């Protein structure tokens, strides 16, 4: 049986200053489960799905973005065509400068608006 695993070989983040060279990315999608318990629930808590959101981070080399910058990101599996995309706001940047390696920039972001996956 063949595997259904994805290969994370693609990713781009582009803003007003152009595209960044991405080497790693992660995203966490969430949904707020609001309490909707009524007397009819027989003593059990009931919840309904409400607002959706997502946060994540990516690592770039060669250039950094700016905190507070709005950007568009596209993360994809090159072989299978699976894509996650949407608008983000950069919320934090951490610079890593090893004595014997490449300077990298770790960016945390928050999704703003609709984020699509598929």
PDB file of N, CA and C in Angstrom:
ATOM      1  N   UNK A   1       0.844  -1.178   0.000  1.00  0.00           N
ATOM      2  CA  UNK A   1       0.000   0.000   0.000  1.00  0.00           C
ATOM      3  C   UNK A   1       0.889   1.242   0.000  1.00  0.00           C
ATOM      4  N   UNK A   2       0.607   2.173  -0.860  1.00  0.00           N
ATOM      5  CA  UNK A   2       1.394   3.413  -0.954  1.00  0.00           C
ATOM      6  C   UNK A   2       1.033   4.356   0.187  1.00  0.00           C
ATOM      7  N   UNK A   3       2.002   5.132   0.616  1.00  0.00           N
ATOM      8  CA  UNK A   3       1.772   6.090   1.683  1.00  0.00           C
ATOM      9  C   UNK A   3       1.055   7.333   1.169  1.00  0.00           C
ATOM     10  N   UNK A   4       0.340   8.002   2.055  1.00  0.00           N
ATOM     11  CA  UNK A   4      -0.317   9.266   1.738  1.00  0.00           C
ATOM     12  C   UNK A   4       0.440  10.443   2.330  1.00  0.00           C
ATOM     13  N   UNK A   5       1.688  10.237   2.749  1.00  0.00           N
ATOM     14  CA  UNK A   5       2.476  11.287   3.378  1.00  0.00           C
ATOM     15  C   UNK A   5       2.731  12.435   2.409  1.00  0.00           C
ATOM     16  N   UNK A   6       2.842  13.630   2.959  1.00  0.00           N
ATOM     17  CA  UNK A   6       3.132  14.814   2.157  1.00  0.00           C
ATOM     18  C   UNK A   6       4.582  15.213   2.340  1.00  0.00           C
ATOM     19  N   UNK A   7       5.144  15.820   1.337  1.00  0.00           N
ATOM     20  CA  UNK A   7       6.520  16.304   1.386  1.00  0.00           C
ATOM     21  C   UNK A   7       6.498  17.822   1.365  1.00  0.00           C
ATOM     22  N   UNK A   8       6.917  18.451   2.456  1.00  0.00           N
ATOM     23  CA  UNK A   8       6.863  19.903   2.566  1.00  0.00           C
ATOM     24  C   UNK A   8       7.967  20.597   1.811  1.00  0.00           C
ATOM     25  N   UNK A   9       7.936  20.528   0.507  1.00  0.00           N
ATOM     26  CA  UNK A   9       9.028  21.066  -0.303  1.00  0.00           C
ATOM     27  C   UNK A   9       8.772  22.469  -0.801  1.00  0.00           C
ATOM     28  N   UNK A  10       7.707  23.126  -0.368  1.00  0.00           N
ATOM     29  CA  UNK A  10       7.432  24.452  -0.895  1.00  0.00           C
ATOM     30  C   UNK A  10       6.912  25.385   0.164  1.00  0.00           C
ATOM     31  N   UNK A  11       7.206  26.638  -0.014  1.00  0.00           N
ATOM     32  CA  UNK A  11       6.692  27.644   0.886  1.00  0.00           C
ATOM     33  C   UNK A  11       7.149  29.019   0.472  1.00  0.00           C
ATOM     34  N   UNK A  12       6.250  29.978   0.552  1.00  0.00           N
ATOM     35  CA  UNK A  12       6.641  31.341   0.247  1.00  0.00           C
ATOM     36  C   UNK A  12       5.843  32.297   1.103  1.00  0.00           C
ATOM     37  N   UNK A  13       6.469  33.390   1.453  1.00  0.00           N
ATOM     38  CA  UNK A  13       5.809  34.480   2.151  1.00  0.00           C
ATOM     39  C   UNK A  13       6.205  35.737   1.414  1.00  0.00           C
ATOM     40  N   UNK A  14       5.225  36.492   0.946  1.00  0.00           N
ATOM     41  CA  UNK A  14       5.510  37.696   0.183  1.00  0.00           C
ATOM     42  C   UNK A  14       4.754  38.874   0.768  1.00  0.00           C
ATOM     43  N   UNK A  15       5.434  39.984   0.881  1.00  0.00           N
ATOM     44  CA  UNK A  15       4.838  41.227   1.348  1.00  0.00           C
ATOM     45  C   UNK A  15       5.300  42.361   0.458  1.00  0.00           C
ATOM     46  N   UNK A  16       5.302  43.541   0.991  1.00  0.00           N
ATOM     47  CA  UNK A  16       5.679  44.717   0.211  1.00  0.00           C
ATOM     48  C   UNK A  16       7.141  44.681  -0.225  1.00  0.00           C
ATOM     49  N   UNK A  17       7.999  43.951   0.506  1.00  0.00           N
ATOM     50  CA  UNK A  17       9.423  43.915   0.163  1.00  0.00           C
ATOM     51  C   UNK A  17       9.798  42.703  -0.676  1.00  0.00           C
ATOM     52  N   UNK A  18       8.835  41.921  -1.122  1.00  0.00           N
ATOM     53  CA  UNK A  18       9.131  40.752  -1.946  1.00  0.00           C
ATOM     54  C   UNK A  18       9.065  39.465  -1.157  1.00  0.00           C
ATOM     55  N   UNK A  19       9.542  38.396  -1.767  1.00  0.00           N
ATOM     56  CA  UNK A  19       9.444  37.063  -1.173  1.00  0.00           C
ATOM     57  C   UNK A  19      10.631  36.772  -0.274  1.00  0.00           C
ATOM     58  N   UNK A  20      10.406  35.934   0.737  1.00  0.00           N
ATOM     59  CA  UNK A  20      11.454  35.480   1.637  1.00  0.00           C
ATOM     60  C   UNK A  20      11.836  34.051   1.276  1.00  0.00           C
ATOM     61  N   UNK A  21      13.068  33.672   1.552  1.00  0.00           N
ATOM     62  CA  UNK A  21      13.544  32.317   1.299  1.00  0.00           C
ATOM     63  C   UNK A  21      13.250  31.468   2.536  1.00  0.00           C
ATOM     64  N   UNK A  22      12.216  30.637   2.464  1.00  0.00           N
ATOM     65  CA  UNK A  22      11.714  29.863   3.601  1.00  0.00           C
ATOM     66  C   UNK A  22      12.416  28.509   3.659  1.00  0.00           C
ATOM     67  N   UNK A  23      12.833  28.100   4.878  1.00  0.00           N
ATOM     68  CA  UNK A  23      13.458  26.790   5.053  1.00  0.00           C
ATOM     69  C   UNK A  23      12.635  25.853   5.925  1.00  0.00           C
ATOM     70  N   UNK A  24      11.658  26.389   6.667  1.00  0.00           N
ATOM     71  CA  UNK A  24      10.827  25.565   7.546  1.00  0.00           C
ATOM     72  C   UNK A  24       9.570  26.359   7.892  1.00  0.00           C
ATOM     73  N   UNK A  25       8.436  25.654   8.050  1.00  0.00           N
ATOM     74  CA  UNK A  25       7.222  26.343   8.468  1.00  0.00           C
ATOM     75  C   UNK A  25       6.313  25.424   9.264  1.00  0.00           C
ATOM     76  N   UNK A  26       5.483  26.009  10.116  1.00  0.00           N
ATOM     77  CA  UNK A  26       4.479  25.291  10.911  1.00  0.00           C
ATOM     78  C   UNK A  26       3.236  26.156  11.008  1.00  0.00           C
ATOM     79  N   UNK A  27       2.088  25.515  11.078  1.00  0.00           N
ATOM     80  CA  UNK A  27       0.838  26.245  11.275  1.00  0.00           C
ATOM     81  C   UNK A  27      -0.082  25.439  12.177  1.00  0.00           C
ATOM     82  N   UNK A  28      -0.799  26.146  13.049  1.00  0.00           N
ATOM     83  CA  UNK A  28      -1.771  25.524  13.943  1.00  0.00           C
ATOM     84  C   UNK A  28      -3.115  26.196  13.722  1.00  0.00           C
ATOM     85  N   UNK A  29      -4.093  25.414  13.298  1.00  0.00           N
ATOM     86  CA  UNK A  29      -5.435  25.943  13.093  1.00  0.00           C
ATOM     87  C   UNK A  29      -6.278  25.638  14.324  1.00  0.00           C
ATOM     88  N   UNK A  30      -7.127  26.600  14.720  1.00  0.00           N
ATOM     89  CA  UNK A  30      -7.951  26.446  15.914  1.00  0.00           C
ATOM     90  C   UNK A  30      -9.394  26.863  15.624  1.00  0.00           C
ATOM     91  N   UNK A  31     -10.279  26.450  16.505  1.00  0.00           N
ATOM     92  CA  UNK A  31     -11.662  26.915  16.469  1.00  0.00           C
ATOM     93  C   UNK A  31     -12.140  27.068  17.909  1.00  0.00           C
ATOM     94  N   UNK A  32     -12.802  28.167  18.189  1.00  0.00           N
ATOM     95  CA  UNK A  32     -13.322  28.418  19.538  1.00  0.00           C
ATOM     96  C   UNK A  32     -14.595  27.604  19.731  1.00  0.00           C
ATOM     97  N   UNK A  33     -14.620  26.813  20.784  1.00  0.00           N
ATOM     98  CA  UNK A  33     -15.807  26.023  21.117  1.00  0.00           C
ATOM     99  C   UNK A  33     -16.534  26.747  22.250  1.00  0.00           C
ATOM    100  N   UNK A  34     -17.629  27.415  21.913  1.00  0.00           N
ATOM    101  CA  UNK A  34     -18.375  28.214  22.887  1.00  0.00           C
ATOM    102  C   UNK A  34     -19.425  27.361  23.591  1.00  0.00           C
ATOM    103  N   UNK A  35     -19.578  27.628  24.872  1.00  0.00           N
ATOM    104  CA  UNK A  35     -20.558  26.866  25.645  1.00  0.00           C
ATOM    105  C   UNK A  35     -21.969  27.255  25.226  1.00  0.00           C
ATOM    106  N   UNK A  36     -22.805  26.245  25.018  1.00  0.00           N
ATOM    107  CA  UNK A  36     -24.201  26.449  24.611  1.00  0.00           C
ATOM    108  C   UNK A  36     -25.116  25.528  25.417  1.00  0.00           C
ATOM    109  N   UNK A  37     -24.781  25.330  26.695  1.00  0.00           N
ATOM    110  CA  UNK A  37     -25.531  24.426  27.548  1.00  0.00           C
ATOM    111  C   UNK A  37     -26.909  25.003  27.869  1.00  0.00           C
ATOM    112  N   UNK A  38     -27.897  24.133  27.799  1.00  0.00           N
ATOM    113  CA  UNK A  38     -29.260  24.534  28.169  1.00  0.00           C
ATOM    114  C   UNK A  38     -29.796  23.542  29.196  1.00  0.00           C
ATOM    115  N   UNK A  39     -30.967  23.822  29.732  1.00  0.00           N
ATOM    116  CA  UNK A  39     -31.569  22.900  30.684  1.00  0.00           C
ATOM    117  C   UNK A  39     -31.917  21.564  30.025  1.00  0.00           C
ATOM    118  N   UNK A  40     -32.023  21.528  28.717  1.00  0.00           N
ATOM    119  CA  UNK A  40     -32.363  20.304  27.990  1.00  0.00           C
ATOM    120  C   UNK A  40     -31.158  19.370  27.836  1.00  0.00           C
ATOM    121  N   UNK A  41     -29.979  19.801  28.272  1.00  0.00           N
ATOM    122  CA  UNK A  41     -28.775  18.989  28.066  1.00  0.00           C
ATOM    123  C   UNK A  41     -28.603  17.891  29.109  1.00  0.00           C
ATOM    124  N   UNK A  42     -29.531  17.793  30.042  1.00  0.00           N
ATOM    125  CA  UNK A  42     -29.525  16.747  31.061  1.00  0.00           C
ATOM    126  C   UNK A  42     -28.243  16.774  31.908  1.00  0.00           C
ATOM    127  N   UNK A  43     -27.757  17.971  32.180  1.00  0.00           N
ATOM    128  CA  UNK A  43     -26.585  18.116  33.035  1.00  0.00           C
ATOM    129  C   UNK A  43     -25.244  18.016  32.317  1.00  0.00           C
ATOM    130  N   UNK A  44     -25.255  17.804  31.019  1.00  0.00           N
ATOM    131  CA  UNK A  44     -24.009  17.715  30.239  1.00  0.00           C
ATOM    132  C   UNK A  44     -23.719  19.055  29.576  1.00  0.00           C
ATOM    133  N   UNK A  45     -22.445  19.454  29.598  1.00  0.00           N
ATOM    134  CA  UNK A  45     -22.061  20.679  28.900  1.00  0.00           C
ATOM    135  C   UNK A  45     -22.181  20.457  27.407  1.00  0.00           C
ATOM    136  N   UNK A  46     -22.691  21.462  26.715  1.00  0.00           N
ATOM    137  CA  UNK A  46     -22.780  21.415  25.261  1.00  0.00           C
ATOM    138  C   UNK A  46     -21.971  22.573  24.700  1.00  0.00           C
ATOM    139  N   UNK A  47     -21.299  22.322  23.589  1.00  0.00           N
ATOM    140  CA  UNK A  47     -20.474  23.339  22.951  1.00  0.00           C
ATOM    141  C   UNK A  47     -20.773  23.378  21.461  1.00  0.00           C
ATOM    142  N   UNK A  48     -20.613  24.568  20.901  1.00  0.00           N
ATOM    143  CA  UNK A  48     -20.762  24.735  19.463  1.00  0.00           C
ATOM    144  C   UNK A  48     -19.485  25.370  18.901  1.00  0.00           C
ATOM    145  N   UNK A  49     -19.175  25.061  17.661  1.00  0.00           N
ATOM    146  CA  UNK A  49     -18.003  25.633  16.996  1.00  0.00           C
ATOM    147  C   UNK A  49     -18.310  27.063  16.586  1.00  0.00           C
ATOM    148  N   UNK A  50     -17.369  27.976  16.859  1.00  0.00           N
ATOM    149  CA  UNK A  50     -17.569  29.393  16.514  1.00  0.00           C
ATOM    150  C   UNK A  50     -16.398  29.903  15.684  1.00  0.00           C
ATOM    151  N   UNK A  51     -15.699  30.897  16.184  1.00  0.00           N
ATOM    152  CA  UNK A  51     -14.654  31.559  15.414  1.00  0.00           C
ATOM    153  C   UNK A  51     -13.456  30.657  15.141  1.00  0.00           C
ATOM    154  N   UNK A  52     -12.965  30.724  13.919  1.00  0.00           N
ATOM    155  CA  UNK A  52     -11.791  29.961  13.509  1.00  0.00           C
ATOM    156  C   UNK A  52     -10.575  30.882  13.511  1.00  0.00           C
ATOM    157  N   UNK A  53      -9.413  30.297  13.645  1.00  0.00           N
ATOM    158  CA  UNK A  53      -8.189  31.085  13.607  1.00  0.00           C
ATOM    159  C   UNK A  53      -6.995  30.185  13.361  1.00  0.00           C
ATOM    160  N   UNK A  54      -5.846  30.805  13.200  1.00  0.00           N
ATOM    161  CA  UNK A  54      -4.618  30.047  13.004  1.00  0.00           C
ATOM    162  C   UNK A  54      -3.423  30.918  13.370  1.00  0.00           C
ATOM    163  N   UNK A  55      -2.397  30.252  13.867  1.00  0.00           N
ATOM    164  CA  UNK A  55      -1.116  30.893  14.141  1.00  0.00           C
ATOM    165  C   UNK A  55      -0.033  29.965  13.623  1.00  0.00           C
ATOM    166  N   UNK A  56       1.154  30.484  13.494  1.00  0.00           N
ATOM    167  CA  UNK A  56       2.228  29.630  13.033  1.00  0.00           C
ATOM    168  C   UNK A  56       3.558  30.339  13.072  1.00  0.00           C
ATOM    169  N   UNK A  57       4.538  29.693  12.464  1.00  0.00           N
ATOM    170  CA  UNK A  57       5.866  30.285  12.373  1.00  0.00           C
ATOM    171  C   UNK A  57       6.558  29.744  11.132  1.00  0.00           C
ATOM    172  N   UNK A  58       7.534  30.504  10.677  1.00  0.00           N
ATOM    173  CA  UNK A  58       8.369  30.051   9.579  1.00  0.00           C
ATOM    174  C   UNK A  58       9.779  30.575   9.783  1.00  0.00           C
ATOM    175  N   UNK A  59      10.712  29.894   9.181  1.00  0.00           N
ATOM    176  CA  UNK A  59      12.126  30.256   9.282  1.00  0.00           C
ATOM    177  C   UNK A  59      12.606  30.678   7.902  1.00  0.00           C
ATOM    178  N   UNK A  60      13.311  31.811   7.843  1.00  0.00           N
ATOM    179  CA  UNK A  60      13.855  32.269   6.572  1.00  0.00           C
ATOM    180  C   UNK A  60      15.355  32.483   6.696  1.00  0.00           C
ATOM    181  N   UNK A  61      16.015  32.449   5.571  1.00  0.00           N
ATOM    182  CA  UNK A  61      17.441  32.772   5.503  1.00  0.00           C
ATOM    183  C   UNK A  61      17.618  33.864   4.459  1.00  0.00           C
ATOM    184  N   UNK A  62      18.669  34.635   4.600  1.00  0.00           N
ATOM    185  CA  UNK A  62      18.969  35.663   3.609  1.00  0.00           C
ATOM    186  C   UNK A  62      18.269  36.981   3.833  1.00  0.00           C
ATOM    187  N   UNK A  63      17.055  36.966   4.387  1.00  0.00           N
ATOM    188  CA  UNK A  63      16.311  38.202   4.620  1.00  0.00           C
ATOM    189  C   UNK A  63      15.253  37.968   5.687  1.00  0.00           C
ATOM    190  N   UNK A  64      14.794  39.051   6.276  1.00  0.00           N
ATOM    191  CA  UNK A  64      13.768  38.992   7.310  1.00  0.00           C
ATOM    192  C   UNK A  64      12.590  39.849   6.898  1.00  0.00           C
ATOM    193  N   UNK A  65      11.477  39.652   7.551  1.00  0.00           N
ATOM    194  CA  UNK A  65      10.314  40.502   7.371  1.00  0.00           C
ATOM    195  C   UNK A  65      10.354  41.579   8.452  1.00  0.00           C
ATOM    196  N   UNK A  66       9.237  42.212   8.730  1.00  0.00           N
ATOM    197  CA  UNK A  66       9.127  43.254   9.744  1.00  0.00           C
ATOM    198  C   UNK A  66       7.953  42.940  10.653  1.00  0.00           C
ATOM    199  N   UNK A  67       8.132  43.124  11.959  1.00  0.00           N
ATOM    200  CA  UNK A  67       7.035  42.917  12.908  1.00  0.00           C
ATOM    201  C   UNK A  67       5.899  43.877  12.552  1.00  0.00           C
ATOM    202  N   UNK A  68       4.683  43.369  12.543  1.00  0.00           N
ATOM    203  CA  UNK A  68       3.517  44.168  12.197  1.00  0.00           C
ATOM    204  C   UNK A  68       3.201  44.177  10.714  1.00  0.00           C
ATOM    205  N   UNK A  69       4.065  43.592   9.914  1.00  0.00           N
ATOM    206  CA  UNK A  69       3.858  43.583   8.456  1.00  0.00           C
ATOM    207  C   UNK A  69       2.748  42.612   8.072  1.00  0.00           C
ATOM    208  N   UNK A  70       1.901  43.052   7.173  1.00  0.00           N
ATOM    209  CA  UNK A  70       0.905  42.172   6.573  1.00  0.00           C
ATOM    210  C   UNK A  70       1.566  41.487   5.386  1.00  0.00           C
ATOM    211  N   UNK A  71       1.317  40.198   5.233  1.00  0.00           N
ATOM    212  CA  UNK A  71       1.926  39.442   4.147  1.00  0.00           C
ATOM    213  C   UNK A  71       0.953  38.388   3.655  1.00  0.00           C
ATOM    214  N   UNK A  72       1.278  37.808   2.532  1.00  0.00           N
ATOM    215  CA  UNK A  72       0.521  36.690   1.976  1.00  0.00           C
ATOM    216  C   UNK A  72       1.439  35.486   1.999  1.00  0.00           C
ATOM    217  N   UNK A  73       0.945  34.363   2.506  1.00  0.00           N
ATOM    218  CA  UNK A  73       1.789  33.174   2.543  1.00  0.00           C
ATOM    219  C   UNK A  73       1.117  32.027   1.798  1.00  0.00           C
ATOM    220  N   UNK A  74       1.964  31.206   1.210  1.00  0.00           N
ATOM    221  CA  UNK A  74       1.525  29.993   0.532  1.00  0.00           C
ATOM    222  C   UNK A  74       2.500  28.897   0.934  1.00  0.00           C
ATOM    223  N   UNK A  75       2.002  27.879   1.614  1.00  0.00           N
ATOM    224  CA  UNK A  75       2.805  26.727   1.992  1.00  0.00           C
ATOM    225  C   UNK A  75       2.240  25.544   1.226  1.00  0.00           C
ATOM    226  N   UNK A  76       3.107  24.760   0.585  1.00  0.00           N
ATOM    227  CA  UNK A  76       2.551  23.678  -0.226  1.00  0.00           C
ATOM    228  C   UNK A  76       3.467  22.468  -0.304  1.00  0.00           C
ATOM    229  N   UNK A  77       2.836  21.375  -0.624  1.00  0.00           N
ATOM    230  CA  UNK A  77       3.527  20.130  -0.929  1.00  0.00           C
ATOM    231  C   UNK A  77       3.727  20.114  -2.444  1.00  0.00           C
ATOM    232  N   UNK A  78       4.961  20.134  -2.864  1.00  0.00           N
ATOM    233  CA  UNK A  78       5.268  20.257  -4.295  1.00  0.00           C
ATOM    234  C   UNK A  78       4.759  19.074  -5.109  1.00  0.00           C
ATOM    235  N   UNK A  79       4.814  17.873  -4.559  1.00  0.00           N
ATOM    236  CA  UNK A  79       4.447  16.680  -5.325  1.00  0.00           C
ATOM    237  C   UNK A  79       2.933  16.489  -5.427  1.00  0.00           C
ATOM    238  N   UNK A  80       2.227  16.611  -4.314  1.00  0.00           N
ATOM    239  CA  UNK A  80       0.802  16.301  -4.290  1.00  0.00           C
ATOM    240  C   UNK A  80      -0.091  17.501  -4.588  1.00  0.00           C
ATOM    241  N   UNK A  81       0.452  18.710  -4.544  1.00  0.00           N
ATOM    242  CA  UNK A  81      -0.352  19.882  -4.831  1.00  0.00           C
ATOM    243  C   UNK A  81      -1.175  20.373  -3.654  1.00  0.00           C
ATOM    244  N   UNK A  82      -0.967  19.841  -2.439  1.00  0.00           N
ATOM    245  CA  UNK A  82      -1.680  20.292  -1.246  1.00  0.00           C
ATOM    246  C   UNK A  82      -1.170  21.678  -0.889  1.00  0.00           C
ATOM    247  N   UNK A  83      -2.072  22.648  -0.701  1.00  0.00           N
ATOM    248  CA  UNK A  83      -1.683  24.033  -0.445  1.00  0.00           C
ATOM    249  C   UNK A  83      -2.428  24.601   0.751  1.00  0.00           C
ATOM    250  N   UNK A  84      -1.729  25.368   1.573  1.00  0.00           N
ATOM    251  CA  UNK A  84      -2.320  26.146   2.658  1.00  0.00           C
ATOM    252  C   UNK A  84      -1.947  27.596   2.363  1.00  0.00           C
ATOM    253  N   UNK A  85      -2.939  28.477   2.289  1.00  0.00           N
ATOM    254  CA  UNK A  85      -2.622  29.855   1.924  1.00  0.00           C
ATOM    255  C   UNK A  85      -3.563  30.847   2.583  1.00  0.00           C
ATOM    256  N   UNK A  86      -3.080  32.084   2.704  1.00  0.00           N
ATOM    257  CA  UNK A  86      -3.893  33.146   3.264  1.00  0.00           C
ATOM    258  C   UNK A  86      -3.063  34.346   3.668  1.00  0.00           C
ATOM    259  N   UNK A  87      -3.722  35.305   4.300  1.00  0.00           N
ATOM    260  CA  UNK A  87      -3.072  36.533   4.742  1.00  0.00           C
ATOM    261  C   UNK A  87      -2.639  36.386   6.200  1.00  0.00           C
ATOM    262  N   UNK A  88      -1.476  36.939   6.511  1.00  0.00           N
ATOM    263  CA  UNK A  88      -0.934  36.848   7.864  1.00  0.00           C
ATOM    264  C   UNK A  88      -0.409  38.214   8.312  1.00  0.00           C
ATOM    265  N   UNK A  89      -0.217  38.331   9.629  1.00  0.00           N
ATOM    266  CA  UNK A  89       0.466  39.477  10.223  1.00  0.00           C
ATOM    267  C   UNK A  89       1.643  38.920  11.012  1.00  0.00           C
ATOM    268  N   UNK A  90       2.841  39.414  10.747  1.00  0.00           N
ATOM    269  CA  UNK A  90       4.041  38.976  11.470  1.00  0.00           C
ATOM    270  C   UNK A  90       3.982  39.558  12.875  1.00  0.00           C
ATOM    271  N   UNK A  91       4.001  38.697  13.902  1.00  0.00           N
ATOM    272  CA  UNK A  91       3.865  39.161  15.283  1.00  0.00           C
ATOM    273  C   UNK A  91       5.169  39.136  16.080  1.00  0.00           C
ATOM    274  N   UNK A  92       6.170  38.390  15.601  1.00  0.00           N
ATOM    275  CA  UNK A  92       7.437  38.305  16.331  1.00  0.00           C
ATOM    276  C   UNK A  92       8.517  37.795  15.394  1.00  0.00           C
ATOM    277  N   UNK A  93       9.731  38.333  15.546  1.00  0.00           N
ATOM    278  CA  UNK A  93      10.879  37.857  14.771  1.00  0.00           C
ATOM    279  C   UNK A  93      12.039  37.616  15.721  1.00  0.00           C
ATOM    280  N   UNK A  94      12.657  36.466  15.601  1.00  0.00           N
ATOM    281  CA  UNK A  94      13.828  36.114  16.407  1.00  0.00           C
ATOM    282  C   UNK A  94      14.974  35.802  15.445  1.00  0.00           C
ATOM    283  N   UNK A  95      16.120  36.433  15.674  1.00  0.00           N
ATOM    284  CA  UNK A  95      17.289  36.229  14.826  1.00  0.00           C
ATOM    285  C   UNK A  95      18.216  35.230  15.499  1.00  0.00           C
ATOM    286  N   UNK A  96      18.702  34.254  14.724  1.00  0.00           N
ATOM    287  CA  UNK A  96      19.641  33.255  15.222  1.00  0.00           C
ATOM    288  C   UNK A  96      20.948  33.401  14.444  1.00  0.00           C
ATOM    289  N   UNK A  97      22.036  33.657  15.182  1.00  0.00           N
ATOM    290  CA  UNK A  97      23.332  33.893  14.544  1.00  0.00           C
ATOM    291  C   UNK A  97      24.378  32.946  15.113  1.00  0.00           C
ATOM    292  N   UNK A  98      24.527  31.745  14.534  1.00  0.00           N
ATOM    293  CA  UNK A  98      25.539  30.812  15.019  1.00  0.00           C
ATOM    294  C   UNK A  98      26.935  31.222  14.560  1.00  0.00           C
ATOM    295  N   UNK A  99      27.957  30.846  15.333  1.00  0.00           N
ATOM    296  CA  UNK A  99      29.327  31.203  14.975  1.00  0.00           C
ATOM    297  C   UNK A  99      29.805  30.451  13.734  1.00  0.00           C
ATOM    298  N   UNK A 100      29.222  29.292  13.478  1.00  0.00           N
ATOM    299  CA  UNK A 100      29.688  28.476  12.352  1.00  0.00           C
ATOM    300  C   UNK A 100      28.581  28.109  11.375  1.00  0.00           C
ATOM    301  N   UNK A 101      27.561  28.952  11.262  1.00  0.00           N
ATOM    302  CA  UNK A 101      26.450  28.603  10.383  1.00  0.00           C
ATOM    303  C   UNK A 101      25.805  29.823   9.752  1.00  0.00           C
ATOM    304  N   UNK A 102      24.630  29.622   9.210  1.00  0.00           N
ATOM    305  CA  UNK A 102      23.893  30.645   8.483  1.00  0.00           C
ATOM    306  C   UNK A 102      22.983  31.400   9.441  1.00  0.00           C
ATOM    307  N   UNK A 103      22.932  32.716   9.304  1.00  0.00           N
ATOM    308  CA  UNK A 103      21.990  33.528  10.062  1.00  0.00           C
ATOM    309  C   UNK A 103      20.581  33.184   9.589  1.00  0.00           C
ATOM    310  N   UNK A 104      19.676  32.947  10.536  1.00  0.00           N
ATOM    311  CA  UNK A 104      18.292  32.655  10.179  1.00  0.00           C
ATOM    312  C   UNK A 104      17.353  33.549  10.983  1.00  0.00           C
ATOM    313  N   UNK A 105      16.153  33.698  10.467  1.00  0.00           N
ATOM    314  CA  UNK A 105      15.147  34.554  11.072  1.00  0.00           C
ATOM    315  C   UNK A 105      13.896  33.713  11.325  1.00  0.00           C
ATOM    316  N   UNK A 106      13.488  33.595  12.582  1.00  0.00           N
ATOM    317  CA  UNK A 106      12.282  32.858  12.948  1.00  0.00           C
ATOM    318  C   UNK A 106      11.138  33.849  13.118  1.00  0.00           C
ATOM    319  N   UNK A 107      10.099  33.682  12.322  1.00  0.00           N
ATOM    320  CA  UNK A 107       8.955  34.592  12.314  1.00  0.00           C
ATOM    321  C   UNK A 107       7.732  33.900  12.901  1.00  0.00           C
ATOM    322  N   UNK A 108       7.084  34.505  13.878  1.00  0.00           N
ATOM    323  CA  UNK A 108       5.781  34.048  14.361  1.00  0.00           C
ATOM    324  C   UNK A 108       4.725  34.889  13.648  1.00  0.00           C
ATOM    325  N   UNK A 109       3.593  34.266  13.318  1.00  0.00           N
ATOM    326  CA  UNK A 109       2.540  35.016  12.640  1.00  0.00           C
ATOM    327  C   UNK A 109       1.167  34.623  13.134  1.00  0.00           C
ATOM    328  N   UNK A 110       0.207  35.512  12.877  1.00  0.00           N
ATOM    329  CA  UNK A 110      -1.198  35.277  13.146  1.00  0.00           C
ATOM    330  C   UNK A 110      -1.940  35.432  11.835  1.00  0.00           C
ATOM    331  N   UNK A 111      -2.842  34.506  11.568  1.00  0.00           N
ATOM    332  CA  UNK A 111      -3.637  34.558  10.344  1.00  0.00           C
ATOM    333  C   UNK A 111      -4.705  35.637  10.503  1.00  0.00           C
ATOM    334  N   UNK A 112      -4.938  36.376   9.440  1.00  0.00           N
ATOM    335  CA  UNK A 112      -6.001  37.374   9.437  1.00  0.00           C
ATOM    336  C   UNK A 112      -6.935  37.081   8.274  1.00  0.00           C
ATOM    337  N   UNK A 113      -8.179  36.844   8.560  1.00  0.00           N
ATOM    338  CA  UNK A 113      -9.145  36.533   7.509  1.00  0.00           C
ATOM    339  C   UNK A 113      -9.172  35.046   7.193  1.00  0.00           C
ATOM    340  N   UNK A 114      -9.625  34.727   6.000  1.00  0.00           N
ATOM    341  CA  UNK A 114      -9.812  33.340   5.565  1.00  0.00           C
ATOM    342  C   UNK A 114      -8.470  32.707   5.235  1.00  0.00           C
ATOM    343  N   UNK A 115      -8.280  31.501   5.718  1.00  0.00           N
ATOM    344  CA  UNK A 115      -7.080  30.711   5.440  1.00  0.00           C
ATOM    345  C   UNK A 115      -7.552  29.406   4.829  1.00  0.00           C
ATOM    346  N   UNK A 116      -7.080  29.069   3.662  1.00  0.00           N
ATOM    347  CA  UNK A 116      -7.590  27.887   2.968  1.00  0.00           C
ATOM    348  C   UNK A 116      -6.558  26.757   2.985  1.00  0.00           C
ATOM    349  N   UNK A 117      -7.047  25.543   3.014  1.00  0.00           N
ATOM    350  CA  UNK A 117      -6.195  24.359   2.966  1.00  0.00           C
ATOM    351  C   UNK A 117      -6.860  23.335   2.052  1.00  0.00           C
ATOM    352  N   UNK A 118      -6.043  22.693   1.254  1.00  0.00           N
ATOM    353  CA  UNK A 118      -6.589  21.637   0.416  1.00  0.00           C
ATOM    354  C   UNK A 118      -5.830  21.404  -0.844  1.00  0.00           C
TER     355      UNK A 118
END
